[in-house]
Structure formats: structure tokens, C-alpha cells
Amino acid sequence: MSSTQSSANGQKRLNTACQYLGKRVQYMTSSRGGGNERSFNTIVYINATFYGSGSGTSEHASREVAANVAHGALKREHPNDPNV
């Protein structure tokens, strides 16, 4: 599995876990700079509560990092639930 494929699973895992828990996920992405210097930052909210953020050189990369951070936080809240 390539790093792109494995990282692309972050949002899917988070969305699946939140769907199971009946929670709503929101991603808010901003960018700064331009050209090769452009960077993106994504903040993840679950049910309007901040759950994590991530940065990257593309919108997709920053969303994946943020989703992985938020999913880790969600797993710590539900440590014994294999569906999370």
C-alpha cells in the first residue's frame, strides 16, 4: 500500500467512526502563501467540538493529518469500542 493510499484512509476511518457514534464531522481548511510556498491547515470539529488540526502542502494532505489526529482523540474517548 502506498503512503497516499494509507493516508487517504484517515478521513474514511474518522467518518465511519463518527457515523457509528452518531456524531457529525466538519473540516475547515485554510491556506496561505502561493506557488510552491503554499501551505494548508485543516481544523476538525466533531459535534461542534475541536478535535484536532493538521498542516500539509495540499488541502488533501492537511485534511488527512487532521483526520488522523481527531480519530486518535476519538479512540482515546472510546478505548474499548472496536468500531471506533
PDB file of N, CA and C in Angstrom:
ATOM      1  N   MET A   1       0.853  -1.180   0.000  1.00  0.00           N
ATOM      2  CA  MET A   1       0.000   0.000   0.000  1.00  0.00           C
ATOM      3  C   MET A   1       0.895   1.237   0.000  1.00  0.00           C
ATOM      4  N   SER A   2       0.628   2.164  -0.874  1.00  0.00           N
ATOM      5  CA  SER A   2       1.436   3.379  -0.932  1.00  0.00           C
ATOM      6  C   SER A   2       1.065   4.319   0.202  1.00  0.00           C
ATOM      7  N   SER A   3       1.943   5.278   0.459  1.00  0.00           N
ATOM      8  CA  SER A   3       1.659   6.225   1.539  1.00  0.00           C
ATOM      9  C   SER A   3       0.421   7.055   1.219  1.00  0.00           C
ATOM     10  N   THR A   4       0.179   7.297  -0.055  1.00  0.00           N
ATOM     11  CA  THR A   4      -1.011   8.051  -0.444  1.00  0.00           C
ATOM     12  C   THR A   4      -2.270   7.260  -0.100  1.00  0.00           C
ATOM     13  N   GLN A   5      -2.249   5.958  -0.384  1.00  0.00           N
ATOM     14  CA  GLN A   5      -3.422   5.137  -0.087  1.00  0.00           C
ATOM     15  C   GLN A   5      -3.650   5.020   1.412  1.00  0.00           C
ATOM     16  N   SER A   6      -2.578   4.810   2.176  1.00  0.00           N
ATOM     17  CA  SER A   6      -2.760   4.647   3.614  1.00  0.00           C
ATOM     18  C   SER A   6      -3.202   5.956   4.252  1.00  0.00           C
ATOM     19  N   SER A   7      -2.650   7.080   3.787  1.00  0.00           N
ATOM     20  CA  SER A   7      -3.056   8.350   4.383  1.00  0.00           C
ATOM     21  C   SER A   7      -4.467   8.726   3.960  1.00  0.00           C
ATOM     22  N   ALA A   8      -4.886   8.251   2.802  1.00  0.00           N
ATOM     23  CA  ALA A   8      -6.231   8.567   2.321  1.00  0.00           C
ATOM     24  C   ALA A   8      -7.300   7.902   3.173  1.00  0.00           C
ATOM     25  N   ASN A   9      -6.893   6.973   4.016  1.00  0.00           N
ATOM     26  CA  ASN A   9      -7.863   6.287   4.856  1.00  0.00           C
ATOM     27  C   ASN A   9      -8.212   7.054   6.121  1.00  0.00           C
ATOM     28  N   GLY A  10      -7.465   8.095   6.454  1.00  0.00           N
ATOM     29  CA  GLY A  10      -7.711   8.844   7.682  1.00  0.00           C
ATOM     30  C   GLY A  10      -9.110   9.421   7.753  1.00  0.00           C
ATOM     31  N   GLN A  11      -9.511  10.112   6.705  1.00  0.00           N
ATOM     32  CA  GLN A  11     -10.846  10.707   6.682  1.00  0.00           C
ATOM     33  C   GLN A  11     -11.921   9.628   6.676  1.00  0.00           C
ATOM     34  N   LYS A  12     -11.680   8.550   5.941  1.00  0.00           N
ATOM     35  CA  LYS A  12     -12.661   7.463   5.871  1.00  0.00           C
ATOM     36  C   LYS A  12     -12.855   6.826   7.245  1.00  0.00           C
ATOM     37  N   ARG A  13     -11.743   6.546   7.947  1.00  0.00           N
ATOM     38  CA  ARG A  13     -11.844   5.945   9.286  1.00  0.00           C
ATOM     39  C   ARG A  13     -12.583   6.872  10.243  1.00  0.00           C
ATOM     40  N   LEU A  14     -12.240   8.160  10.206  1.00  0.00           N
ATOM     41  CA  LEU A  14     -12.892   9.114  11.104  1.00  0.00           C
ATOM     42  C   LEU A  14     -14.379   9.224  10.784  1.00  0.00           C
ATOM     43  N   ASN A  15     -14.709   9.345   9.514  1.00  0.00           N
ATOM     44  CA  ASN A  15     -16.114   9.472   9.119  1.00  0.00           C
ATOM     45  C   ASN A  15     -16.915   8.227   9.494  1.00  0.00           C
ATOM     46  N   THR A  16     -16.322   7.042   9.324  1.00  0.00           N
ATOM     47  CA  THR A  16     -17.001   5.794   9.677  1.00  0.00           C
ATOM     48  C   THR A  16     -17.240   5.717  11.177  1.00  0.00           C
ATOM     49  N   ALA A  17     -16.216   6.064  11.969  1.00  0.00           N
ATOM     50  CA  ALA A  17     -16.353   6.032  13.433  1.00  0.00           C
ATOM     51  C   ALA A  17     -17.423   7.010  13.896  1.00  0.00           C
ATOM     52  N   CYS A  18     -17.425   8.202  13.315  1.00  0.00           N
ATOM     53  CA  CYS A  18     -18.412   9.208  13.724  1.00  0.00           C
ATOM     54  C   CYS A  18     -19.816   8.806  13.303  1.00  0.00           C
ATOM     55  N   GLN A  19     -19.932   8.185  12.144  1.00  0.00           N
ATOM     56  CA  GLN A  19     -21.247   7.705  11.706  1.00  0.00           C
ATOM     57  C   GLN A  19     -21.753   6.653  12.691  1.00  0.00           C
ATOM     58  N   TYR A  20     -20.888   5.754  13.108  1.00  0.00           N
ATOM     59  CA  TYR A  20     -21.247   4.714  14.077  1.00  0.00           C
ATOM     60  C   TYR A  20     -21.699   5.338  15.399  1.00  0.00           C
ATOM     61  N   LEU A  21     -21.000   6.398  15.830  1.00  0.00           N
ATOM     62  CA  LEU A  21     -21.317   7.051  17.104  1.00  0.00           C
ATOM     63  C   LEU A  21     -22.452   8.066  16.992  1.00  0.00           C
ATOM     64  N   GLY A  22     -22.908   8.323  15.762  1.00  0.00           N
ATOM     65  CA  GLY A  22     -23.969   9.306  15.562  1.00  0.00           C
ATOM     66  C   GLY A  22     -23.477  10.731  15.719  1.00  0.00           C
ATOM     67  N   LYS A  23     -22.207  10.961  15.386  1.00  0.00           N
ATOM     68  CA  LYS A  23     -21.617  12.294  15.516  1.00  0.00           C
ATOM     69  C   LYS A  23     -21.374  12.896  14.138  1.00  0.00           C
ATOM     70  N   ARG A  24     -21.310  14.219  14.100  1.00  0.00           N
ATOM     71  CA  ARG A  24     -21.130  14.943  12.846  1.00  0.00           C
ATOM     72  C   ARG A  24     -19.713  15.501  12.761  1.00  0.00           C
ATOM     73  N   VAL A  25     -19.046  15.287  11.635  1.00  0.00           N
ATOM     74  CA  VAL A  25     -17.681  15.765  11.416  1.00  0.00           C
ATOM     75  C   VAL A  25     -17.709  16.986  10.511  1.00  0.00           C
ATOM     76  N   GLN A  26     -16.903  17.992  10.850  1.00  0.00           N
ATOM     77  CA  GLN A  26     -16.733  19.166   9.993  1.00  0.00           C
ATOM     78  C   GLN A  26     -15.247  19.422   9.822  1.00  0.00           C
ATOM     79  N   TYR A  27     -14.842  19.713   8.591  1.00  0.00           N
ATOM     80  CA  TYR A  27     -13.467  20.084   8.285  1.00  0.00           C
ATOM     81  C   TYR A  27     -13.457  21.541   7.853  1.00  0.00           C
ATOM     82  N   MET A  28     -12.541  22.317   8.389  1.00  0.00           N
ATOM     83  CA  MET A  28     -12.381  23.709   7.966  1.00  0.00           C
ATOM     84  C   MET A  28     -10.928  23.882   7.543  1.00  0.00           C
ATOM     85  N   THR A  29     -10.713  24.172   6.252  1.00  0.00           N
ATOM     86  CA  THR A  29      -9.361  24.271   5.714  1.00  0.00           C
ATOM     87  C   THR A  29      -9.082  25.692   5.252  1.00  0.00           C
ATOM     88  N   SER A  30      -7.892  26.161   5.585  1.00  0.00           N
ATOM     89  CA  SER A  30      -7.443  27.471   5.123  1.00  0.00           C
ATOM     90  C   SER A  30      -6.067  27.294   4.494  1.00  0.00           C
ATOM     91  N   SER A  31      -5.686  28.256   3.669  1.00  0.00           N
ATOM     92  CA  SER A  31      -4.369  28.187   3.043  1.00  0.00           C
ATOM     93  C   SER A  31      -3.702  29.547   3.113  1.00  0.00           C
ATOM     94  N   ARG A  32      -2.386  29.503   2.994  1.00  0.00           N
ATOM     95  CA  ARG A  32      -1.633  30.756   2.948  1.00  0.00           C
ATOM     96  C   ARG A  32      -0.446  30.556   2.021  1.00  0.00           C
ATOM     97  N   GLY A  33       0.083  31.669   1.561  1.00  0.00           N
ATOM     98  CA  GLY A  33       1.203  31.603   0.635  1.00  0.00           C
ATOM     99  C   GLY A  33       0.716  31.381  -0.780  1.00  0.00           C
ATOM    100  N   GLY A  34       1.660  31.161  -1.666  1.00  0.00           N
ATOM    101  CA  GLY A  34       1.312  30.929  -3.054  1.00  0.00           C
ATOM    102  C   GLY A  34       2.398  30.132  -3.744  1.00  0.00           C
ATOM    103  N   GLY A  35       2.053  29.555  -4.878  1.00  0.00           N
ATOM    104  CA  GLY A  35       3.026  28.770  -5.632  1.00  0.00           C
ATOM    105  C   GLY A  35       3.553  27.603  -4.827  1.00  0.00           C
ATOM    106  N   ASN A  36       4.865  27.419  -4.863  1.00  0.00           N
ATOM    107  CA  ASN A  36       5.497  26.314  -4.129  1.00  0.00           C
ATOM    108  C   ASN A  36       5.518  26.549  -2.629  1.00  0.00           C
ATOM    109  N   GLU A  37       5.237  27.768  -2.196  1.00  0.00           N
ATOM    110  CA  GLU A  37       5.269  28.105  -0.767  1.00  0.00           C
ATOM    111  C   GLU A  37       3.896  27.972  -0.108  1.00  0.00           C
ATOM    112  N   ARG A  38       2.929  27.499  -0.850  1.00  0.00           N
ATOM    113  CA  ARG A  38       1.569  27.419  -0.321  1.00  0.00           C
ATOM    114  C   ARG A  38       1.459  26.316   0.729  1.00  0.00           C
ATOM    115  N   SER A  39       0.786  26.613   1.826  1.00  0.00           N
ATOM    116  CA  SER A  39       0.561  25.605   2.866  1.00  0.00           C
ATOM    117  C   SER A  39      -0.899  25.646   3.287  1.00  0.00           C
ATOM    118  N   PHE A  40      -1.367  24.529   3.772  1.00  0.00           N
ATOM    119  CA  PHE A  40      -2.769  24.374   4.150  1.00  0.00           C
ATOM    120  C   PHE A  40      -2.860  23.941   5.604  1.00  0.00           C
ATOM    121  N   ASN A  41      -3.893  24.395   6.273  1.00  0.00           N
ATOM    122  CA  ASN A  41      -4.156  23.979   7.644  1.00  0.00           C
ATOM    123  C   ASN A  41      -5.631  23.602   7.742  1.00  0.00           C
ATOM    124  N   THR A  42      -5.899  22.453   8.323  1.00  0.00           N
ATOM    125  CA  THR A  42      -7.271  21.977   8.490  1.00  0.00           C
ATOM    126  C   THR A  42      -7.563  21.771   9.965  1.00  0.00           C
ATOM    127  N   ILE A  43      -8.734  22.210  10.380  1.00  0.00           N
ATOM    128  CA  ILE A  43      -9.218  22.011  11.742  1.00  0.00           C
ATOM    129  C   ILE A  43     -10.417  21.069  11.655  1.00  0.00           C
ATOM    130  N   VAL A  44     -10.475  20.105  12.564  1.00  0.00           N
ATOM    131  CA  VAL A  44     -11.590  19.151  12.592  1.00  0.00           C
ATOM    132  C   VAL A  44     -12.439  19.399  13.827  1.00  0.00           C
ATOM    133  N   TYR A  45     -13.743  19.493  13.596  1.00  0.00           N
ATOM    134  CA  TYR A  45     -14.715  19.594  14.683  1.00  0.00           C
ATOM    135  C   TYR A  45     -15.610  18.365  14.622  1.00  0.00           C
ATOM    136  N   ILE A  46     -15.908  17.787  15.778  1.00  0.00           N
ATOM    137  CA  ILE A  46     -16.879  16.702  15.870  1.00  0.00           C
ATOM    138  C   ILE A  46     -17.971  17.193  16.806  1.00  0.00           C
ATOM    139  N   ASN A  47     -19.199  17.246  16.269  1.00  0.00           N
ATOM    140  CA  ASN A  47     -20.329  17.822  17.009  1.00  0.00           C
ATOM    141  C   ASN A  47     -19.964  19.192  17.579  1.00  0.00           C
ATOM    142  N   ALA A  48     -19.364  20.020  16.754  1.00  0.00           N
ATOM    143  CA  ALA A  48     -19.000  21.408  17.073  1.00  0.00           C
ATOM    144  C   ALA A  48     -17.939  21.530  18.165  1.00  0.00           C
ATOM    145  N   THR A  49     -17.219  20.448  18.471  1.00  0.00           N
ATOM    146  CA  THR A  49     -16.128  20.484  19.439  1.00  0.00           C
ATOM    147  C   THR A  49     -14.818  20.252  18.699  1.00  0.00           C
ATOM    148  N   PHE A  50     -13.807  21.085  18.972  1.00  0.00           N
ATOM    149  CA  PHE A  50     -12.499  20.952  18.339  1.00  0.00           C
ATOM    150  C   PHE A  50     -11.880  19.603  18.689  1.00  0.00           C
ATOM    151  N   TYR A  51     -11.428  18.880  17.664  1.00  0.00           N
ATOM    152  CA  TYR A  51     -10.818  17.569  17.889  1.00  0.00           C
ATOM    153  C   TYR A  51      -9.406  17.454  17.356  1.00  0.00           C
ATOM    154  N   GLY A  52      -8.937  18.408  16.592  1.00  0.00           N
ATOM    155  CA  GLY A  52      -7.572  18.324  16.095  1.00  0.00           C
ATOM    156  C   GLY A  52      -7.364  19.185  14.876  1.00  0.00           C
ATOM    157  N   SER A  53      -6.097  19.303  14.501  1.00  0.00           N
ATOM    158  CA  SER A  53      -5.751  20.069  13.316  1.00  0.00           C
ATOM    159  C   SER A  53      -4.552  19.422  12.645  1.00  0.00           C
ATOM    160  N   GLY A  54      -4.329  19.799  11.408  1.00  0.00           N
ATOM    161  CA  GLY A  54      -3.193  19.272  10.664  1.00  0.00           C
ATOM    162  C   GLY A  54      -2.781  20.225   9.574  1.00  0.00           C
ATOM    163  N   SER A  55      -1.519  20.151   9.203  1.00  0.00           N
ATOM    164  CA  SER A  55      -0.976  21.001   8.149  1.00  0.00           C
ATOM    165  C   SER A  55      -0.387  20.129   7.055  1.00  0.00           C
ATOM    166  N   GLY A  56      -0.329  20.684   5.854  1.00  0.00           N
ATOM    167  CA  GLY A  56       0.261  19.954   4.740  1.00  0.00           C
ATOM    168  C   GLY A  56       0.472  20.854   3.549  1.00  0.00           C
ATOM    169  N   THR A  57       1.078  20.288   2.509  1.00  0.00           N
ATOM    170  CA  THR A  57       1.356  21.056   1.303  1.00  0.00           C
ATOM    171  C   THR A  57       0.186  21.036   0.327  1.00  0.00           C
ATOM    172  N   SER A  58      -0.877  20.296   0.666  1.00  0.00           N
ATOM    173  CA  SER A  58      -2.095  20.303  -0.144  1.00  0.00           C
ATOM    174  C   SER A  58      -3.288  20.249   0.803  1.00  0.00           C
ATOM    175  N   GLU A  59      -4.445  20.610   0.290  1.00  0.00           N
ATOM    176  CA  GLU A  59      -5.652  20.550   1.118  1.00  0.00           C
ATOM    177  C   GLU A  59      -5.911  19.114   1.568  1.00  0.00           C
ATOM    178  N   HIS A  60      -5.749  18.173   0.646  1.00  0.00           N
ATOM    179  CA  HIS A  60      -5.990  16.766   0.972  1.00  0.00           C
ATOM    180  C   HIS A  60      -5.045  16.295   2.078  1.00  0.00           C
ATOM    181  N   ALA A  61      -3.769  16.623   1.959  1.00  0.00           N
ATOM    182  CA  ALA A  61      -2.790  16.185   2.964  1.00  0.00           C
ATOM    183  C   ALA A  61      -3.117  16.757   4.333  1.00  0.00           C
ATOM    184  N   SER A  62      -3.491  18.025   4.388  1.00  0.00           N
ATOM    185  CA  SER A  62      -3.792  18.634   5.688  1.00  0.00           C
ATOM    186  C   SER A  62      -5.053  18.023   6.296  1.00  0.00           C
ATOM    187  N   ARG A  63      -6.027  17.688   5.454  1.00  0.00           N
ATOM    188  CA  ARG A  63      -7.257  17.051   5.959  1.00  0.00           C
ATOM    189  C   ARG A  63      -6.966  15.657   6.500  1.00  0.00           C
ATOM    190  N   GLU A  64      -6.075  14.930   5.838  1.00  0.00           N
ATOM    191  CA  GLU A  64      -5.722  13.589   6.298  1.00  0.00           C
ATOM    192  C   GLU A  64      -5.009  13.637   7.646  1.00  0.00           C
ATOM    193  N   VAL A  65      -4.064  14.559   7.790  1.00  0.00           N
ATOM    194  CA  VAL A  65      -3.351  14.691   9.067  1.00  0.00           C
ATOM    195  C   VAL A  65      -4.344  15.045  10.167  1.00  0.00           C
ATOM    196  N   ALA A  66      -5.208  16.016   9.899  1.00  0.00           N
ATOM    197  CA  ALA A  66      -6.198  16.437  10.895  1.00  0.00           C
ATOM    198  C   ALA A  66      -7.153  15.296  11.236  1.00  0.00           C
ATOM    199  N   ALA A  67      -7.575  14.535  10.232  1.00  0.00           N
ATOM    200  CA  ALA A  67      -8.484  13.407  10.472  1.00  0.00           C
ATOM    201  C   ALA A  67      -7.817  12.350  11.343  1.00  0.00           C
ATOM    202  N   ASN A  68      -6.537  12.088  11.101  1.00  0.00           N
ATOM    203  CA  ASN A  68      -5.821  11.103  11.916  1.00  0.00           C
ATOM    204  C   ASN A  68      -5.682  11.571  13.357  1.00  0.00           C
ATOM    205  N   VAL A  69      -5.409  12.852  13.563  1.00  0.00           N
ATOM    206  CA  VAL A  69      -5.308  13.406  14.919  1.00  0.00           C
ATOM    207  C   VAL A  69      -6.660  13.291  15.624  1.00  0.00           C
ATOM    208  N   ALA A  70      -7.722  13.703  14.935  1.00  0.00           N
ATOM    209  CA  ALA A  70      -9.067  13.660  15.524  1.00  0.00           C
ATOM    210  C   ALA A  70      -9.494  12.220  15.807  1.00  0.00           C
ATOM    211  N   HIS A  71      -9.160  11.302  14.912  1.00  0.00           N
ATOM    212  CA  HIS A  71      -9.531   9.903  15.119  1.00  0.00           C
ATOM    213  C   HIS A  71      -8.807   9.340  16.337  1.00  0.00           C
ATOM    214  N   GLY A  72      -7.546   9.723  16.522  1.00  0.00           N
ATOM    215  CA  GLY A  72      -6.809   9.292  17.709  1.00  0.00           C
ATOM    216  C   GLY A  72      -7.468   9.783  18.986  1.00  0.00           C
ATOM    217  N   ALA A  73      -7.924  11.031  18.977  1.00  0.00           N
ATOM    218  CA  ALA A  73      -8.613  11.593  20.147  1.00  0.00           C
ATOM    219  C   ALA A  73      -9.924  10.851  20.403  1.00  0.00           C
ATOM    220  N   LEU A  74     -10.647  10.542  19.346  1.00  0.00           N
ATOM    221  CA  LEU A  74     -11.915   9.820  19.475  1.00  0.00           C
ATOM    222  C   LEU A  74     -11.679   8.411  20.031  1.00  0.00           C
ATOM    223  N   LYS A  75     -10.608   7.758  19.587  1.00  0.00           N
ATOM    224  CA  LYS A  75     -10.286   6.415  20.090  1.00  0.00           C
ATOM    225  C   LYS A  75      -9.934   6.461  21.578  1.00  0.00           C
ATOM    226  N   ARG A  76      -9.278   7.525  22.021  1.00  0.00           N
ATOM    227  CA  ARG A  76      -8.962   7.646  23.448  1.00  0.00           C
ATOM    228  C   ARG A  76     -10.229   7.816  24.281  1.00  0.00           C
ATOM    229  N   GLU A  77     -11.264   8.417  23.700  1.00  0.00           N
ATOM    230  CA  GLU A  77     -12.541   8.574  24.406  1.00  0.00           C
ATOM    231  C   GLU A  77     -13.328   7.262  24.460  1.00  0.00           C
ATOM    232  N   HIS A  78     -13.082   6.386  23.501  1.00  0.00           N
ATOM    233  CA  HIS A  78     -13.809   5.109  23.399  1.00  0.00           C
ATOM    234  C   HIS A  78     -12.787   3.974  23.261  1.00  0.00           C
ATOM    235  N   PRO A  79     -11.935   3.774  24.276  1.00  0.00           N
ATOM    236  CA  PRO A  79     -10.815   2.828  24.141  1.00  0.00           C
ATOM    237  C   PRO A  79     -11.218   1.368  23.961  1.00  0.00           C
ATOM    238  N   ASN A  80     -12.373   0.986  24.402  1.00  0.00           N
ATOM    239  CA  ASN A  80     -12.778  -0.420  24.327  1.00  0.00           C
ATOM    240  C   ASN A  80     -13.786  -0.711  23.225  1.00  0.00           C
ATOM    241  N   ASP A  81     -14.025   0.270  22.359  1.00  0.00           N
ATOM    242  CA  ASP A  81     -15.008   0.088  21.291  1.00  0.00           C
ATOM    243  C   ASP A  81     -14.288  -0.187  19.972  1.00  0.00           C
ATOM    244  N   PRO A  82     -14.337  -1.411  19.463  1.00  0.00           N
ATOM    245  CA  PRO A  82     -13.625  -1.746  18.224  1.00  0.00           C
ATOM    246  C   PRO A  82     -14.193  -1.049  16.986  1.00  0.00           C
ATOM    247  N   ASN A  83     -15.385  -0.484  17.078  1.00  0.00           N
ATOM    248  CA  ASN A  83     -15.992   0.206  15.936  1.00  0.00           C
ATOM    249  C   ASN A  83     -15.488   1.630  15.780  1.00  0.00           C
ATOM    250  N   VAL A  84     -14.728   2.119  16.752  1.00  0.00           N
ATOM    251  CA  VAL A  84     -14.203   3.486  16.697  1.00  0.00           C
ATOM    252  C   VAL A  84     -12.820   3.439  16.211  1.00  0.00           C
TER     253      VAL A  84
END
